[in-house]
PDB file of N, CA and C in Angstrom:
ATOM      1  N   MET A   1     -28.691 -15.384 -15.027  1.00  0.00           N
ATOM      2  CA  MET A   1     -29.378 -14.524 -14.086  1.00  0.00           C
ATOM      3  C   MET A   1     -28.480 -14.310 -12.874  1.00  0.00           C
ATOM      4  N   THR A   2     -28.627 -13.188 -12.260  1.00  0.00           N
ATOM      5  CA  THR A   2     -27.854 -12.850 -11.080  1.00  0.00           C
ATOM      6  C   THR A   2     -28.483 -13.519  -9.861  1.00  0.00           C
ATOM      7  N   THR A   3     -27.621 -14.056  -9.010  1.00  0.00           N
ATOM      8  CA  THR A   3     -28.121 -14.767  -7.833  1.00  0.00           C
ATOM      9  C   THR A   3     -27.589 -14.131  -6.555  1.00  0.00           C
ATOM     10  N   LYS A   4     -28.216 -14.507  -5.448  1.00  0.00           N
ATOM     11  CA  LYS A   4     -27.746 -14.097  -4.130  1.00  0.00           C
ATOM     12  C   LYS A   4     -27.759 -15.326  -3.241  1.00  0.00           C
ATOM     13  N   THR A   5     -26.895 -15.332  -2.253  1.00  0.00           N
ATOM     14  CA  THR A   5     -26.798 -16.443  -1.324  1.00  0.00           C
ATOM     15  C   THR A   5     -27.403 -16.011   0.010  1.00  0.00           C
ATOM     16  N   ILE A   6     -28.301 -16.829   0.517  1.00  0.00           N
ATOM     17  CA  ILE A   6     -28.939 -16.566   1.803  1.00  0.00           C
ATOM     18  C   ILE A   6     -28.498 -17.658   2.766  1.00  0.00           C
ATOM     19  N   VAL A   7     -27.910 -17.248   3.890  1.00  0.00           N
ATOM     20  CA  VAL A   7     -27.418 -18.193   4.882  1.00  0.00           C
ATOM     21  C   VAL A   7     -28.223 -18.017   6.163  1.00  0.00           C
ATOM     22  N   ASP A   8     -28.811 -19.103   6.649  1.00  0.00           N
ATOM     23  CA  ASP A   8     -29.518 -19.100   7.926  1.00  0.00           C
ATOM     24  C   ASP A   8     -28.492 -19.481   8.987  1.00  0.00           C
ATOM     25  N   CYS A   9     -28.074 -18.495   9.764  1.00  0.00           N
ATOM     26  CA  CYS A   9     -27.019 -18.725  10.763  1.00  0.00           C
ATOM     27  C   CYS A   9     -27.442 -19.706  11.850  1.00  0.00           C
ATOM     28  N   ALA A  10     -28.715 -19.784  12.136  1.00  0.00           N
ATOM     29  CA  ALA A  10     -29.194 -20.677  13.186  1.00  0.00           C
ATOM     30  C   ALA A  10     -29.087 -22.130  12.759  1.00  0.00           C
ATOM     31  N   THR A  11     -29.412 -22.405  11.491  1.00  0.00           N
ATOM     32  CA  THR A  11     -29.412 -23.791  11.031  1.00  0.00           C
ATOM     33  C   THR A  11     -28.214 -24.137  10.157  1.00  0.00           C
ATOM     34  N   GLY A  12     -27.536 -23.102   9.636  1.00  0.00           N
ATOM     35  CA  GLY A  12     -26.418 -23.347   8.732  1.00  0.00           C
ATOM     36  C   GLY A  12     -26.882 -23.630   7.308  1.00  0.00           C
ATOM     37  N   GLU A  13     -28.180 -23.531   7.068  1.00  0.00           N
ATOM     38  CA  GLU A  13     -28.733 -23.804   5.741  1.00  0.00           C
ATOM     39  C   GLU A  13     -28.346 -22.678   4.776  1.00  0.00           C
ATOM     40  N   VAL A  14     -27.898 -23.059   3.585  1.00  0.00           N
ATOM     41  CA  VAL A  14     -27.484 -22.104   2.567  1.00  0.00           C
ATOM     42  C   VAL A  14     -28.385 -22.268   1.353  1.00  0.00           C
ATOM     43  N   ASN A  15     -28.961 -21.152   0.901  1.00  0.00           N
ATOM     44  CA  ASN A  15     -29.815 -21.165  -0.278  1.00  0.00           C
ATOM     45  C   ASN A  15     -29.290 -20.149  -1.285  1.00  0.00           C
ATOM     46  N   VAL A  16     -29.227 -20.530  -2.545  1.00  0.00           N
ATOM     47  CA  VAL A  16     -28.866 -19.623  -3.622  1.00  0.00           C
ATOM     48  C   VAL A  16     -30.129 -19.388  -4.439  1.00  0.00           C
ATOM     49  N   VAL A  17     -30.537 -18.112  -4.521  1.00  0.00           N
ATOM     50  CA  VAL A  17     -31.766 -17.769  -5.226  1.00  0.00           C
ATOM     51  C   VAL A  17     -31.497 -16.667  -6.239  1.00  0.00           C
ATOM     52  N   ASP A  18     -32.355 -16.595  -7.261  1.00  0.00           N
ATOM     53  CA  ASP A  18     -32.248 -15.539  -8.253  1.00  0.00           C
ATOM     54  C   ASP A  18     -32.670 -14.212  -7.637  1.00  0.00           C
ATOM     55  N   MET A  19     -31.993 -13.153  -8.044  1.00  0.00           N
ATOM     56  CA  MET A  19     -32.350 -11.817  -7.580  1.00  0.00           C
ATOM     57  C   MET A  19     -33.511 -11.296  -8.418  1.00  0.00           C
ATOM     58  N   THR A  20     -34.347 -10.466  -7.811  1.00  0.00           N
ATOM     59  CA  THR A  20     -35.435  -9.844  -8.552  1.00  0.00           C
ATOM     60  C   THR A  20     -34.881  -8.686  -9.381  1.00  0.00           C
ATOM     61  N   GLN A  21     -35.656  -8.210 -10.315  1.00  0.00           N
ATOM     62  CA  GLN A  21     -35.231  -7.067 -11.133  1.00  0.00           C
ATOM     63  C   GLN A  21     -34.989  -5.838 -10.255  1.00  0.00           C
ATOM     64  N   GLU A  22     -35.790  -5.682  -9.217  1.00  0.00           N
ATOM     65  CA  GLU A  22     -35.620  -4.555  -8.299  1.00  0.00           C
ATOM     66  C   GLU A  22     -34.287  -4.664  -7.558  1.00  0.00           C
ATOM     67  N   GLU A  23     -33.952  -5.864  -7.106  1.00  0.00           N
ATOM     68  CA  GLU A  23     -32.675  -6.073  -6.402  1.00  0.00           C
ATOM     69  C   GLU A  23     -31.495  -5.841  -7.339  1.00  0.00           C
ATOM     70  N   ILE A  24     -31.634  -6.294  -8.576  1.00  0.00           N
ATOM     71  CA  ILE A  24     -30.564  -6.084  -9.559  1.00  0.00           C
ATOM     72  C   ILE A  24     -30.378  -4.595  -9.817  1.00  0.00           C
ATOM     73  N   ALA A  25     -31.479  -3.866  -9.986  1.00  0.00           N
ATOM     74  CA  ALA A  25     -31.398  -2.421 -10.218  1.00  0.00           C
ATOM     75  C   ALA A  25     -30.754  -1.715  -9.032  1.00  0.00           C
ATOM     76  N   GLN A  26     -31.117  -2.141  -7.824  1.00  0.00           N
ATOM     77  CA  GLN A  26     -30.548  -1.542  -6.619  1.00  0.00           C
ATOM     78  C   GLN A  26     -29.043  -1.819  -6.542  1.00  0.00           C
ATOM     79  N   MET A  27     -28.635  -3.028  -6.872  1.00  0.00           N
ATOM     80  CA  MET A  27     -27.223  -3.394  -6.854  1.00  0.00           C
ATOM     81  C   MET A  27     -26.440  -2.575  -7.883  1.00  0.00           C
ATOM     82  N   GLU A  28     -27.001  -2.438  -9.079  1.00  0.00           N
ATOM     83  CA  GLU A  28     -26.329  -1.671 -10.124  1.00  0.00           C
ATOM     84  C   GLU A  28     -26.224  -0.198  -9.747  1.00  0.00           C
ATOM     85  N   ALA A  29     -27.255   0.343  -9.107  1.00  0.00           N
ATOM     86  CA  ALA A  29     -27.212   1.738  -8.659  1.00  0.00           C
ATOM     87  C   ALA A  29     -26.133   1.923  -7.596  1.00  0.00           C
ATOM     88  N   ALA A  30     -26.038   0.973  -6.687  1.00  0.00           N
ATOM     89  CA  ALA A  30     -25.014   1.041  -5.636  1.00  0.00           C
ATOM     90  C   ALA A  30     -23.612   0.964  -6.245  1.00  0.00           C
ATOM     91  N   GLN A  31     -23.445   0.109  -7.239  1.00  0.00           N
ATOM     92  CA  GLN A  31     -22.146  -0.001  -7.904  1.00  0.00           C
ATOM     93  C   GLN A  31     -21.792   1.298  -8.627  1.00  0.00           C
ATOM     94  N   ALA A  32     -22.777   1.915  -9.284  1.00  0.00           N
ATOM     95  CA  ALA A  32     -22.545   3.172  -9.993  1.00  0.00           C
ATOM     96  C   ALA A  32     -22.178   4.283  -9.010  1.00  0.00           C
ATOM     97  N   THR A  33     -22.850   4.318  -7.879  1.00  0.00           N
ATOM     98  CA  THR A  33     -22.548   5.320  -6.854  1.00  0.00           C
ATOM     99  C   THR A  33     -21.137   5.119  -6.324  1.00  0.00           C
ATOM    100  N   TRP A  34     -20.778   3.887  -6.041  1.00  0.00           N
ATOM    101  CA  TRP A  34     -19.437   3.588  -5.528  1.00  0.00           C
ATOM    102  C   TRP A  34     -18.373   4.003  -6.539  1.00  0.00           C
ATOM    103  N   THR A  35     -18.599   3.670  -7.803  1.00  0.00           N
ATOM    104  CA  THR A  35     -17.640   4.024  -8.850  1.00  0.00           C
ATOM    105  C   THR A  35     -17.488   5.537  -8.944  1.00  0.00           C
ATOM    106  N   ALA A  36     -18.593   6.267  -8.900  1.00  0.00           N
ATOM    107  CA  ALA A  36     -18.536   7.721  -8.974  1.00  0.00           C
ATOM    108  C   ALA A  36     -17.780   8.302  -7.785  1.00  0.00           C
ATOM    109  N   GLU A  37     -18.006   7.748  -6.604  1.00  0.00           N
ATOM    110  CA  GLU A  37     -17.299   8.216  -5.411  1.00  0.00           C
ATOM    111  C   GLU A  37     -15.802   7.961  -5.524  1.00  0.00           C
ATOM    112  N   GLN A  38     -15.434   6.802  -6.038  1.00  0.00           N
ATOM    113  CA  GLN A  38     -14.019   6.479  -6.209  1.00  0.00           C
ATOM    114  C   GLN A  38     -13.357   7.429  -7.202  1.00  0.00           C
ATOM    115  N   GLU A  39     -14.039   7.716  -8.301  1.00  0.00           N
ATOM    116  CA  GLU A  39     -13.503   8.637  -9.300  1.00  0.00           C
ATOM    117  C   GLU A  39     -13.373  10.044  -8.731  1.00  0.00           C
ATOM    118  N   ALA A  40     -14.341  10.472  -7.917  1.00  0.00           N
ATOM    119  CA  ALA A  40     -14.283  11.795  -7.293  1.00  0.00           C
ATOM    120  C   ALA A  40     -13.108  11.884  -6.320  1.00  0.00           C
ATOM    121  N   GLN A  41     -12.888  10.829  -5.543  1.00  0.00           N
ATOM    122  CA  GLN A  41     -11.758  10.816  -4.613  1.00  0.00           C
ATOM    123  C   GLN A  41     -10.434  10.860  -5.369  1.00  0.00           C
ATOM    124  N   LYS A  42     -10.355  10.128  -6.456  1.00  0.00           N
ATOM    125  CA  LYS A  42      -9.131  10.115  -7.262  1.00  0.00           C
ATOM    126  C   LYS A  42      -8.881  11.497  -7.852  1.00  0.00           C
ATOM    127  N   ALA A  43      -9.926  12.134  -8.366  1.00  0.00           N
ATOM    128  CA  ALA A  43      -9.793  13.476  -8.932  1.00  0.00           C
ATOM    129  C   ALA A  43      -9.367  14.479  -7.866  1.00  0.00           C
ATOM    130  N   ALA A  44      -9.901  14.344  -6.664  1.00  0.00           N
ATOM    131  CA  ALA A  44      -9.536  15.243  -5.568  1.00  0.00           C
ATOM    132  C   ALA A  44      -8.067  15.078  -5.187  1.00  0.00           C
ATOM    133  N   LYS A  45      -7.589  13.837  -5.165  1.00  0.00           N
ATOM    134  CA  LYS A  45      -6.175  13.590  -4.850  1.00  0.00           C
ATOM    135  C   LYS A  45      -5.271  14.188  -5.917  1.00  0.00           C
ATOM    136  N   ILE A  46      -5.665  14.035  -7.173  1.00  0.00           N
ATOM    137  CA  ILE A  46      -4.871  14.582  -8.274  1.00  0.00           C
ATOM    138  C   ILE A  46      -4.848  16.104  -8.187  1.00  0.00           C
ATOM    139  N   ALA A  47      -6.002  16.722  -7.939  1.00  0.00           N
ATOM    140  CA  ALA A  47      -6.082  18.180  -7.834  1.00  0.00           C
ATOM    141  C   ALA A  47      -5.218  18.689  -6.686  1.00  0.00           C
ATOM    142  N   LYS A  48      -5.238  17.971  -5.560  1.00  0.00           N
ATOM    143  CA  LYS A  48      -4.430  18.377  -4.411  1.00  0.00           C
ATOM    144  C   LYS A  48      -2.935  18.294  -4.741  1.00  0.00           C
ATOM    145  N   ALA A  49      -2.541  17.223  -5.405  1.00  0.00           N
ATOM    146  CA  ALA A  49      -1.130  17.053  -5.773  1.00  0.00           C
ATOM    147  C   ALA A  49      -0.696  18.135  -6.758  1.00  0.00           C
ATOM    148  N   GLU A  50      -1.572  18.456  -7.710  1.00  0.00           N
ATOM    149  CA  GLU A  50      -1.244  19.504  -8.681  1.00  0.00           C
ATOM    150  C   GLU A  50      -1.138  20.864  -8.007  1.00  0.00           C
ATOM    151  N   ALA A  51      -2.029  21.151  -7.066  1.00  0.00           N
ATOM    152  CA  ALA A  51      -1.989  22.420  -6.340  1.00  0.00           C
ATOM    153  C   ALA A  51      -0.710  22.521  -5.514  1.00  0.00           C
ATOM    154  N   ARG A  52      -0.327  21.418  -4.902  1.00  0.00           N
ATOM    155  CA  ARG A  52       0.904  21.413  -4.101  1.00  0.00           C
ATOM    156  C   ARG A  52       2.121  21.654  -4.985  1.00  0.00           C
ATOM    157  N   ALA A  53       2.176  20.981  -6.138  1.00  0.00           N
ATOM    158  CA  ALA A  53       3.296  21.157  -7.053  1.00  0.00           C
ATOM    159  C   ALA A  53       3.357  22.600  -7.556  1.00  0.00           C
ATOM    160  N   SER A  54       2.203  23.179  -7.845  1.00  0.00           N
ATOM    161  CA  SER A  54       2.156  24.568  -8.300  1.00  0.00           C
ATOM    162  C   SER A  54       2.660  25.513  -7.210  1.00  0.00           C
ATOM    163  N   ALA A  55       2.221  25.284  -5.987  1.00  0.00           N
ATOM    164  CA  ALA A  55       2.656  26.130  -4.870  1.00  0.00           C
ATOM    165  C   ALA A  55       4.157  26.015  -4.650  1.00  0.00           C
ATOM    166  N   GLU A  56       4.669  24.789  -4.715  1.00  0.00           N
ATOM    167  CA  GLU A  56       6.109  24.590  -4.530  1.00  0.00           C
ATOM    168  C   GLU A  56       6.902  25.258  -5.645  1.00  0.00           C
ATOM    169  N   ALA A  57       6.400  25.209  -6.863  1.00  0.00           N
ATOM    170  CA  ALA A  57       7.087  25.854  -7.983  1.00  0.00           C
ATOM    171  C   ALA A  57       7.107  27.371  -7.800  1.00  0.00           C
ATOM    172  N   LYS A  58       6.003  27.928  -7.327  1.00  0.00           N
ATOM    173  CA  LYS A  58       5.944  29.374  -7.094  1.00  0.00           C
ATOM    174  C   LYS A  58       6.901  29.787  -5.986  1.00  0.00           C
ATOM    175  N   LEU A  59       6.969  28.992  -4.927  1.00  0.00           N
ATOM    176  CA  LEU A  59       7.902  29.298  -3.836  1.00  0.00           C
ATOM    177  C   LEU A  59       9.344  29.186  -4.311  1.00  0.00           C
ATOM    178  N   ALA A  60       9.628  28.195  -5.154  1.00  0.00           N
ATOM    179  CA  ALA A  60      10.981  28.043  -5.693  1.00  0.00           C
ATOM    180  C   ALA A  60      11.322  29.235  -6.582  1.00  0.00           C
ATOM    181  N   ALA A  61      10.343  29.731  -7.327  1.00  0.00           N
ATOM    182  CA  ALA A  61      10.570  30.896  -8.195  1.00  0.00           C
ATOM    183  C   ALA A  61      10.879  32.145  -7.365  1.00  0.00           C
ATOM    184  N   LEU A  62      10.405  32.185  -6.138  1.00  0.00           N
ATOM    185  CA  LEU A  62      10.707  33.305  -5.241  1.00  0.00           C
ATOM    186  C   LEU A  62      12.085  33.179  -4.605  1.00  0.00           C
ATOM    187  N   GLY A  63      12.746  32.040  -4.842  1.00  0.00           N
ATOM    188  CA  GLY A  63      14.099  31.872  -4.345  1.00  0.00           C
ATOM    189  C   GLY A  63      14.229  30.973  -3.137  1.00  0.00           C
ATOM    190  N   LEU A  64      13.141  30.329  -2.696  1.00  0.00           N
ATOM    191  CA  LEU A  64      13.242  29.429  -1.567  1.00  0.00           C
ATOM    192  C   LEU A  64      13.902  28.122  -1.980  1.00  0.00           C
ATOM    193  N   THR A  65      14.654  27.561  -1.079  1.00  0.00           N
ATOM    194  CA  THR A  65      15.299  26.284  -1.355  1.00  0.00           C
ATOM    195  C   THR A  65      14.296  25.159  -1.087  1.00  0.00           C
ATOM    196  N   PRO A  66      14.557  23.954  -1.637  1.00  0.00           N
ATOM    197  CA  PRO A  66      13.665  22.831  -1.343  1.00  0.00           C
ATOM    198  C   PRO A  66      13.520  22.548   0.147  1.00  0.00           C
ATOM    199  N   GLU A  67      14.579  22.761   0.909  1.00  0.00           N
ATOM    200  CA  GLU A  67      14.520  22.545   2.358  1.00  0.00           C
ATOM    201  C   GLU A  67      13.596  23.560   3.016  1.00  0.00           C
ATOM    202  N   GLU A  68      13.679  24.813   2.566  1.00  0.00           N
ATOM    203  CA  GLU A  68      12.813  25.856   3.125  1.00  0.00           C
ATOM    204  C   GLU A  68      11.339  25.576   2.772  1.00  0.00           C
ATOM    205  N   ILE A  69      11.125  25.149   1.554  1.00  0.00           N
ATOM    206  CA  ILE A  69       9.769  24.823   1.116  1.00  0.00           C
ATOM    207  C   ILE A  69       9.208  23.670   1.941  1.00  0.00           C
ATOM    208  N   ALA A  70      10.044  22.681   2.203  1.00  0.00           N
ATOM    209  CA  ALA A  70       9.611  21.507   2.975  1.00  0.00           C
ATOM    210  C   ALA A  70       9.244  21.900   4.408  1.00  0.00           C
ATOM    211  N   GLU A  71       9.882  22.921   4.935  1.00  0.00           N
ATOM    212  CA  GLU A  71       9.608  23.357   6.301  1.00  0.00           C
ATOM    213  C   GLU A  71       8.294  24.111   6.413  1.00  0.00           C
ATOM    214  N   LEU A  72       7.767  24.563   5.297  1.00  0.00           N
ATOM    215  CA  LEU A  72       6.474  25.282   5.343  1.00  0.00           C
ATOM    216  C   LEU A  72       5.416  24.298   5.489  1.00  0.00           C
TER     217      LEU A  72
END
């Protein structure tokens, strides 16, 4: 079973208790949301890099040098 640790800062008492089904479901939903956000960020970075490479290739095809492209 999944557990959680509860710490009473005033007394220093530490208790480890089982999580309820509702808490487990909430934790799993949060993990799924985090994973989806991470995948979306990764996809956005890849898309941006691909767009940049495409733009640089088009500028090079027009005859610009790598130095000129870098200055844009």
